[in-house]
Amino acid sequence: MSKFYIRPMELAELTGFYERIQRDFSCGEYAPYAVIYQQLQDHLQKALVFCEGKQDLAYSVCADSHNNGYVLISLLAVFKEFRGQGIGSAFMKTSRVMYEHKQAILVEVERPDHAKTLEEANSRRRRIEFYEKAGFYLIVSS
């Protein structure tokens, strides 16, 4: 049995996780706190926490309850102190098992060529490379 697992994030935890979102993503790549809170409360989105034992390692925000059978991951990040250790890959593997009954998993990533800074563009490229390594295909929309 895997030592990793995914748990739902409680609404009361969102404040702390939102601080992480603000550090992990550039402004404009995530919705305002009130919007995310309302979407979670209304079950339009789900926030998940990837854990090992009692240690939180990563998080995601996704929409998985639509009747079209698709899961849309809008945010996914590994806590900074655990990056580069395969945690993101393990999170994706566990997510795929969790959603194996779904039609497909889609991941939203911002375009590097629309970034405001070189650092932001590089961060977006790394995300794309991570998802491609995890077996996703890049589909560019205008």
N, C-alpha and C. Protein backbone atom coordinates (compact mmCIF):
# COMPACT_ATOMS: atom_id res chain seq x y z
N MET A 1 0.84 -1.18 0.00
CA MET A 1 0.00 0.00 0.00
C MET A 1 0.88 1.25 0.00
N SER A 2 0.46 2.24 -0.76
CA SER A 2 1.24 3.47 -0.89
C SER A 2 1.27 4.25 0.42
N LYS A 3 2.38 4.89 0.66
CA LYS A 3 2.50 5.72 1.85
C LYS A 3 1.90 7.10 1.64
N PHE A 4 1.58 7.42 0.38
CA PHE A 4 0.98 8.71 0.05
C PHE A 4 -0.54 8.56 -0.05
N TYR A 5 -1.23 9.65 0.24
CA TYR A 5 -2.67 9.66 0.06
C TYR A 5 -3.14 11.09 -0.19
N ILE A 6 -4.36 11.21 -0.68
CA ILE A 6 -4.97 12.50 -0.96
C ILE A 6 -6.15 12.67 -0.01
N ARG A 7 -6.22 13.83 0.62
CA ARG A 7 -7.35 14.13 1.49
C ARG A 7 -8.00 15.43 1.02
N PRO A 8 -9.28 15.58 1.30
CA PRO A 8 -9.92 16.86 0.95
C PRO A 8 -9.43 17.96 1.89
N MET A 9 -9.25 19.13 1.34
CA MET A 9 -8.90 20.29 2.15
C MET A 9 -10.18 20.82 2.80
N GLU A 10 -10.12 21.09 4.06
CA GLU A 10 -11.27 21.68 4.76
C GLU A 10 -11.34 23.17 4.43
N LEU A 11 -12.55 23.72 4.38
CA LEU A 11 -12.70 25.15 4.09
C LEU A 11 -11.91 26.01 5.08
N ALA A 12 -11.85 25.59 6.32
CA ALA A 12 -11.12 26.34 7.35
C ALA A 12 -9.62 26.40 7.06
N GLU A 13 -9.11 25.49 6.24
CA GLU A 13 -7.68 25.47 5.90
C GLU A 13 -7.34 26.40 4.74
N LEU A 14 -8.34 26.88 4.03
CA LEU A 14 -8.08 27.63 2.80
C LEU A 14 -7.23 28.87 3.04
N THR A 15 -7.41 29.55 4.14
CA THR A 15 -6.63 30.77 4.41
C THR A 15 -5.13 30.47 4.33
N GLY A 16 -4.67 29.44 5.02
CA GLY A 16 -3.26 29.08 4.99
C GLY A 16 -2.81 28.62 3.63
N PHE A 17 -3.63 27.84 2.97
CA PHE A 17 -3.27 27.37 1.64
C PHE A 17 -3.29 28.51 0.62
N TYR A 18 -4.16 29.47 0.81
CA TYR A 18 -4.21 30.61 -0.12
C TYR A 18 -2.91 31.42 -0.05
N GLU A 19 -2.33 31.51 1.14
CA GLU A 19 -1.03 32.17 1.26
C GLU A 19 0.01 31.44 0.42
N ARG A 20 -0.05 30.11 0.40
CA ARG A 20 0.86 29.32 -0.44
C ARG A 20 0.57 29.57 -1.92
N ILE A 21 -0.70 29.60 -2.29
CA ILE A 21 -1.08 29.86 -3.68
C ILE A 21 -0.47 31.18 -4.14
N GLN A 22 -0.57 32.20 -3.30
CA GLN A 22 -0.02 33.51 -3.67
C GLN A 22 1.50 33.46 -3.86
N ARG A 23 2.19 32.60 -3.12
CA ARG A 23 3.64 32.46 -3.29
C ARG A 23 3.99 31.57 -4.48
N ASP A 24 3.16 30.54 -4.73
CA ASP A 24 3.47 29.55 -5.75
C ASP A 24 3.09 29.96 -7.16
N PHE A 25 2.17 30.90 -7.29
CA PHE A 25 1.67 31.30 -8.61
C PHE A 25 1.75 32.81 -8.76
N SER A 26 1.95 33.25 -9.99
CA SER A 26 1.99 34.69 -10.27
C SER A 26 0.59 35.27 -10.19
N CYS A 27 0.52 36.53 -9.85
CA CYS A 27 -0.75 37.23 -9.81
C CYS A 27 -1.44 37.08 -11.16
N GLY A 28 -2.72 36.77 -11.14
CA GLY A 28 -3.46 36.56 -12.38
C GLY A 28 -3.59 35.09 -12.76
N GLU A 29 -2.81 34.22 -12.13
CA GLU A 29 -2.88 32.78 -12.42
C GLU A 29 -3.85 32.07 -11.49
N TYR A 30 -4.42 32.79 -10.55
CA TYR A 30 -5.34 32.18 -9.60
C TYR A 30 -6.46 33.18 -9.30
N ALA A 31 -7.58 32.66 -8.88
CA ALA A 31 -8.73 33.50 -8.55
C ALA A 31 -8.56 34.15 -7.18
N PRO A 32 -9.28 35.22 -6.93
CA PRO A 32 -9.26 35.82 -5.60
C PRO A 32 -9.76 34.83 -4.54
N TYR A 33 -9.33 35.05 -3.31
CA TYR A 33 -9.69 34.17 -2.20
C TYR A 33 -11.19 33.95 -2.12
N ALA A 34 -11.97 35.03 -2.17
CA ALA A 34 -13.43 34.92 -2.02
C ALA A 34 -14.04 34.04 -3.11
N VAL A 35 -13.50 34.10 -4.31
CA VAL A 35 -14.02 33.29 -5.42
C VAL A 35 -13.71 31.81 -5.17
N ILE A 36 -12.48 31.51 -4.81
CA ILE A 36 -12.12 30.11 -4.54
C ILE A 36 -12.93 29.59 -3.37
N TYR A 37 -13.05 30.38 -2.31
CA TYR A 37 -13.82 29.95 -1.14
C TYR A 37 -15.26 29.62 -1.55
N GLN A 38 -15.88 30.52 -2.31
CA GLN A 38 -17.27 30.30 -2.71
C GLN A 38 -17.40 29.06 -3.60
N GLN A 39 -16.46 28.87 -4.53
CA GLN A 39 -16.50 27.70 -5.41
C GLN A 39 -16.34 26.40 -4.63
N LEU A 40 -15.48 26.42 -3.61
CA LEU A 40 -15.33 25.24 -2.77
C LEU A 40 -16.59 25.00 -1.94
N GLN A 41 -17.12 26.06 -1.40
CA GLN A 41 -18.33 25.94 -0.58
C GLN A 41 -19.52 25.44 -1.41
N ASP A 42 -19.59 25.87 -2.68
CA ASP A 42 -20.69 25.47 -3.57
C ASP A 42 -20.41 24.15 -4.29
N HIS A 43 -19.27 23.53 -3.98
CA HIS A 43 -18.85 22.26 -4.58
C HIS A 43 -18.66 22.35 -6.10
N LEU A 44 -18.31 23.55 -6.59
CA LEU A 44 -17.97 23.73 -8.00
C LEU A 44 -16.52 23.32 -8.23
N GLN A 45 -15.72 23.46 -7.20
CA GLN A 45 -14.33 23.02 -7.23
C GLN A 45 -14.06 22.24 -5.95
N LYS A 46 -12.96 21.54 -5.97
CA LYS A 46 -12.53 20.74 -4.83
C LYS A 46 -11.05 21.05 -4.60
N ALA A 47 -10.68 21.22 -3.33
CA ALA A 47 -9.28 21.41 -2.99
C ALA A 47 -8.79 20.12 -2.34
N LEU A 48 -7.66 19.65 -2.81
CA LEU A 48 -7.10 18.39 -2.35
C LEU A 48 -5.70 18.62 -1.78
N VAL A 49 -5.36 17.83 -0.78
CA VAL A 49 -4.04 17.93 -0.16
C VAL A 49 -3.37 16.56 -0.28
N PHE A 50 -2.16 16.56 -0.78
CA PHE A 50 -1.37 15.33 -0.94
C PHE A 50 -0.51 15.19 0.31
N CYS A 51 -0.57 14.02 0.94
CA CYS A 51 0.06 13.82 2.24
C CYS A 51 0.88 12.53 2.29
N GLU A 52 1.77 12.53 3.25
CA GLU A 52 2.49 11.32 3.65
C GLU A 52 2.41 11.29 5.18
N GLY A 53 1.75 10.28 5.73
CA GLY A 53 1.50 10.27 7.16
C GLY A 53 0.66 11.48 7.53
N LYS A 54 1.14 12.26 8.49
CA LYS A 54 0.42 13.47 8.89
C LYS A 54 1.00 14.72 8.23
N GLN A 55 1.97 14.54 7.33
CA GLN A 55 2.66 15.66 6.69
C GLN A 55 1.99 16.04 5.38
N ASP A 56 1.52 17.29 5.26
CA ASP A 56 1.03 17.81 3.99
C ASP A 56 2.23 18.12 3.10
N LEU A 57 2.14 17.73 1.84
CA LEU A 57 3.26 17.89 0.91
C LEU A 57 2.93 18.78 -0.29
N ALA A 58 1.67 18.76 -0.71
CA ALA A 58 1.28 19.46 -1.93
C ALA A 58 -0.23 19.68 -1.90
N TYR A 59 -0.72 20.45 -2.84
CA TYR A 59 -2.15 20.72 -2.91
C TYR A 59 -2.57 20.93 -4.36
N SER A 60 -3.86 20.79 -4.59
CA SER A 60 -4.42 21.11 -5.91
C SER A 60 -5.82 21.65 -5.73
N VAL A 61 -6.26 22.38 -6.73
CA VAL A 61 -7.63 22.85 -6.82
C VAL A 61 -8.14 22.36 -8.16
N CYS A 62 -9.27 21.66 -8.13
CA CYS A 62 -9.77 21.08 -9.37
C CYS A 62 -11.30 21.07 -9.40
N ALA A 63 -11.82 20.93 -10.58
CA ALA A 63 -13.26 20.74 -10.79
C ALA A 63 -13.43 19.31 -11.27
N ASP A 64 -14.17 18.51 -10.51
CA ASP A 64 -14.30 17.10 -10.87
C ASP A 64 -15.73 16.58 -10.79
N SER A 65 -16.68 17.47 -10.55
CA SER A 65 -18.04 16.99 -10.35
C SER A 65 -18.97 17.23 -11.53
N HIS A 66 -18.46 17.80 -12.60
CA HIS A 66 -19.30 18.04 -13.78
C HIS A 66 -19.67 16.71 -14.42
N ASN A 67 -20.85 16.63 -14.98
CA ASN A 67 -21.32 15.36 -15.55
C ASN A 67 -20.69 15.02 -16.90
N ASN A 68 -19.75 15.84 -17.39
CA ASN A 68 -19.08 15.52 -18.65
C ASN A 68 -17.98 14.48 -18.49
N GLY A 69 -17.67 14.11 -17.25
CA GLY A 69 -16.68 13.06 -17.02
C GLY A 69 -15.23 13.52 -17.00
N TYR A 70 -14.99 14.84 -17.08
CA TYR A 70 -13.63 15.36 -17.09
C TYR A 70 -13.28 15.97 -15.74
N VAL A 71 -12.00 15.96 -15.44
CA VAL A 71 -11.46 16.64 -14.26
C VAL A 71 -10.57 17.75 -14.79
N LEU A 72 -10.75 18.95 -14.25
CA LEU A 72 -9.90 20.07 -14.63
C LEU A 72 -9.10 20.50 -13.42
N ILE A 73 -7.79 20.34 -13.50
CA ILE A 73 -6.90 20.81 -12.43
C ILE A 73 -6.47 22.23 -12.80
N SER A 74 -6.86 23.19 -11.97
CA SER A 74 -6.51 24.57 -12.26
C SER A 74 -5.26 25.02 -11.50
N LEU A 75 -5.02 24.42 -10.35
CA LEU A 75 -3.81 24.72 -9.57
C LEU A 75 -3.26 23.43 -9.00
N LEU A 76 -1.96 23.28 -9.04
CA LEU A 76 -1.28 22.16 -8.40
C LEU A 76 0.11 22.62 -8.05
N ALA A 77 0.48 22.46 -6.79
CA ALA A 77 1.83 22.86 -6.38
C ALA A 77 2.31 21.98 -5.24
N VAL A 78 3.58 21.73 -5.26
CA VAL A 78 4.26 21.01 -4.17
C VAL A 78 4.82 22.09 -3.24
N PHE A 79 4.72 21.86 -1.94
CA PHE A 79 5.30 22.80 -0.98
C PHE A 79 6.78 22.98 -1.32
N LYS A 80 7.24 24.19 -1.26
CA LYS A 80 8.60 24.53 -1.69
C LYS A 80 9.66 23.62 -1.07
N GLU A 81 9.50 23.30 0.21
CA GLU A 81 10.51 22.50 0.90
C GLU A 81 10.56 21.04 0.45
N PHE A 82 9.56 20.62 -0.34
CA PHE A 82 9.52 19.22 -0.81
C PHE A 82 9.72 19.10 -2.32
N ARG A 83 9.99 20.20 -2.99
CA ARG A 83 10.16 20.17 -4.44
C ARG A 83 11.45 19.43 -4.82
N GLY A 84 11.42 18.82 -6.00
CA GLY A 84 12.59 18.11 -6.50
C GLY A 84 12.77 16.73 -5.89
N GLN A 85 11.77 16.22 -5.19
CA GLN A 85 11.86 14.92 -4.54
C GLN A 85 10.87 13.90 -5.11
N GLY A 86 10.25 14.25 -6.25
CA GLY A 86 9.29 13.32 -6.86
C GLY A 86 7.88 13.40 -6.28
N ILE A 87 7.64 14.37 -5.42
CA ILE A 87 6.33 14.51 -4.78
C ILE A 87 5.27 14.86 -5.82
N GLY A 88 5.56 15.78 -6.71
CA GLY A 88 4.60 16.16 -7.75
C GLY A 88 4.23 14.97 -8.62
N SER A 89 5.21 14.19 -9.00
CA SER A 89 4.96 13.00 -9.83
C SER A 89 4.11 11.99 -9.07
N ALA A 90 4.40 11.81 -7.78
CA ALA A 90 3.61 10.88 -6.96
C ALA A 90 2.18 11.40 -6.81
N PHE A 91 2.02 12.71 -6.68
CA PHE A 91 0.70 13.32 -6.58
C PHE A 91 -0.10 13.05 -7.86
N MET A 92 0.54 13.23 -9.00
CA MET A 92 -0.14 13.00 -10.28
C MET A 92 -0.51 11.52 -10.43
N LYS A 93 0.38 10.64 -10.04
CA LYS A 93 0.10 9.19 -10.13
C LYS A 93 -1.08 8.82 -9.24
N THR A 94 -1.10 9.33 -8.03
CA THR A 94 -2.19 9.05 -7.11
C THR A 94 -3.49 9.67 -7.61
N SER A 95 -3.41 10.86 -8.19
CA SER A 95 -4.60 11.51 -8.76
C SER A 95 -5.17 10.69 -9.91
N ARG A 96 -4.29 10.16 -10.73
CA ARG A 96 -4.77 9.34 -11.86
C ARG A 96 -5.53 8.11 -11.37
N VAL A 97 -5.05 7.49 -10.30
CA VAL A 97 -5.75 6.34 -9.73
C VAL A 97 -7.10 6.80 -9.17
N MET A 98 -7.09 7.92 -8.47
CA MET A 98 -8.31 8.45 -7.87
C MET A 98 -9.37 8.77 -8.94
N TYR A 99 -8.92 9.22 -10.09
CA TYR A 99 -9.83 9.62 -11.16
C TYR A 99 -9.86 8.64 -12.33
N GLU A 100 -9.48 7.41 -12.10
CA GLU A 100 -9.44 6.45 -13.20
C GLU A 100 -10.81 6.19 -13.81
N HIS A 101 -11.87 6.45 -13.08
CA HIS A 101 -13.22 6.28 -13.59
C HIS A 101 -13.68 7.46 -14.45
N LYS A 102 -12.90 8.53 -14.50
CA LYS A 102 -13.25 9.72 -15.27
C LYS A 102 -12.79 9.57 -16.73
N GLN A 103 -13.38 10.38 -17.58
CA GLN A 103 -13.06 10.40 -19.01
C GLN A 103 -11.61 10.80 -19.24
N ALA A 104 -11.19 11.89 -18.58
CA ALA A 104 -9.83 12.40 -18.74
C ALA A 104 -9.55 13.44 -17.67
N ILE A 105 -8.26 13.70 -17.47
CA ILE A 105 -7.82 14.78 -16.58
C ILE A 105 -7.19 15.85 -17.46
N LEU A 106 -7.67 17.07 -17.30
CA LEU A 106 -7.13 18.22 -18.01
C LEU A 106 -6.42 19.10 -16.99
N VAL A 107 -5.35 19.74 -17.43
CA VAL A 107 -4.60 20.62 -16.55
C VAL A 107 -4.48 21.97 -17.23
N GLU A 108 -4.80 23.01 -16.49
CA GLU A 108 -4.69 24.37 -17.02
C GLU A 108 -3.33 24.94 -16.65
N VAL A 109 -2.61 25.42 -17.66
CA VAL A 109 -1.30 26.04 -17.45
C VAL A 109 -1.26 27.31 -18.29
N GLU A 110 -0.78 28.38 -17.69
CA GLU A 110 -0.68 29.65 -18.41
C GLU A 110 0.43 29.59 -19.45
N ARG A 111 0.23 30.32 -20.54
CA ARG A 111 1.20 30.33 -21.64
C ARG A 111 2.47 31.11 -21.27
N PRO A 112 3.65 30.52 -21.48
CA PRO A 112 4.90 31.23 -21.18
C PRO A 112 5.06 32.51 -21.99
N ASP A 113 4.59 32.50 -23.23
CA ASP A 113 4.76 33.68 -24.08
C ASP A 113 3.84 34.84 -23.69
N HIS A 114 2.96 34.63 -22.74
CA HIS A 114 2.11 35.70 -22.23
C HIS A 114 2.55 36.18 -20.84
N ALA A 115 3.68 35.68 -20.37
CA ALA A 115 4.19 36.05 -19.05
C ALA A 115 4.69 37.49 -19.06
N LYS A 116 4.63 38.12 -17.90
CA LYS A 116 5.07 39.50 -17.77
C LYS A 116 6.56 39.62 -17.49
N THR A 117 7.15 38.55 -16.93
CA THR A 117 8.58 38.57 -16.61
C THR A 117 9.23 37.28 -17.09
N LEU A 118 10.54 37.31 -17.20
CA LEU A 118 11.29 36.12 -17.59
C LEU A 118 11.13 35.03 -16.53
N GLU A 119 11.14 35.38 -15.27
CA GLU A 119 10.98 34.42 -14.17
C GLU A 119 9.61 33.72 -14.28
N GLU A 120 8.58 34.49 -14.55
CA GLU A 120 7.24 33.93 -14.70
C GLU A 120 7.17 33.00 -15.92
N ALA A 121 7.80 33.39 -17.02
CA ALA A 121 7.82 32.56 -18.23
C ALA A 121 8.54 31.24 -17.95
N ASN A 122 9.66 31.31 -17.24
CA ASN A 122 10.41 30.09 -16.91
C ASN A 122 9.60 29.17 -15.99
N SER A 123 8.90 29.75 -15.05
CA SER A 123 8.05 28.96 -14.15
C SER A 123 6.96 28.24 -14.95
N ARG A 124 6.36 28.93 -15.89
CA ARG A 124 5.32 28.33 -16.73
C ARG A 124 5.90 27.21 -17.60
N ARG A 125 7.09 27.42 -18.13
CA ARG A 125 7.75 26.37 -18.94
C ARG A 125 8.01 25.12 -18.10
N ARG A 126 8.49 25.33 -16.87
CA ARG A 126 8.75 24.19 -15.97
C ARG A 126 7.46 23.41 -15.68
N ARG A 127 6.36 24.13 -15.49
CA ARG A 127 5.07 23.46 -15.27
C ARG A 127 4.68 22.61 -16.48
N ILE A 128 4.83 23.19 -17.64
CA ILE A 128 4.48 22.46 -18.87
C ILE A 128 5.36 21.22 -19.00
N GLU A 129 6.66 21.36 -18.77
CA GLU A 129 7.57 20.21 -18.84
C GLU A 129 7.18 19.14 -17.82
N PHE A 130 6.80 19.56 -16.62
CA PHE A 130 6.38 18.60 -15.59
C PHE A 130 5.17 17.81 -16.08
N TYR A 131 4.16 18.49 -16.59
CA TYR A 131 2.95 17.80 -17.04
C TYR A 131 3.22 16.92 -18.25
N GLU A 132 4.07 17.36 -19.16
CA GLU A 132 4.42 16.52 -20.32
C GLU A 132 5.14 15.26 -19.85
N LYS A 133 6.03 15.41 -18.89
CA LYS A 133 6.74 14.25 -18.34
C LYS A 133 5.76 13.28 -17.68
N ALA A 134 4.67 13.84 -17.13
CA ALA A 134 3.64 13.03 -16.46
C ALA A 134 2.68 12.40 -17.48
N GLY A 135 2.92 12.65 -18.78
CA GLY A 135 2.10 12.01 -19.80
C GLY A 135 0.99 12.87 -20.39
N PHE A 136 0.95 14.15 -20.04
CA PHE A 136 -0.05 15.04 -20.60
C PHE A 136 0.42 15.58 -21.94
N TYR A 137 -0.52 16.01 -22.75
CA TYR A 137 -0.24 16.62 -24.04
C TYR A 137 -0.58 18.09 -23.97
N LEU A 138 0.26 18.91 -24.60
CA LEU A 138 0.04 20.35 -24.60
C LEU A 138 -0.90 20.71 -25.73
N ILE A 139 -1.97 21.38 -25.39
CA ILE A 139 -2.91 21.92 -26.38
C ILE A 139 -2.94 23.42 -26.14
N VAL A 140 -2.52 24.18 -27.13
CA VAL A 140 -2.44 25.64 -26.99
C VAL A 140 -3.70 26.27 -27.53
N SER A 141 -4.27 27.15 -26.72
CA SER A 141 -5.43 27.90 -27.19
C SER A 141 -5.04 29.37 -27.27
N SER A 142 -5.73 30.10 -28.07
CA SER A 142 -5.37 31.52 -28.24
C SER A 142 -6.05 32.42 -27.26
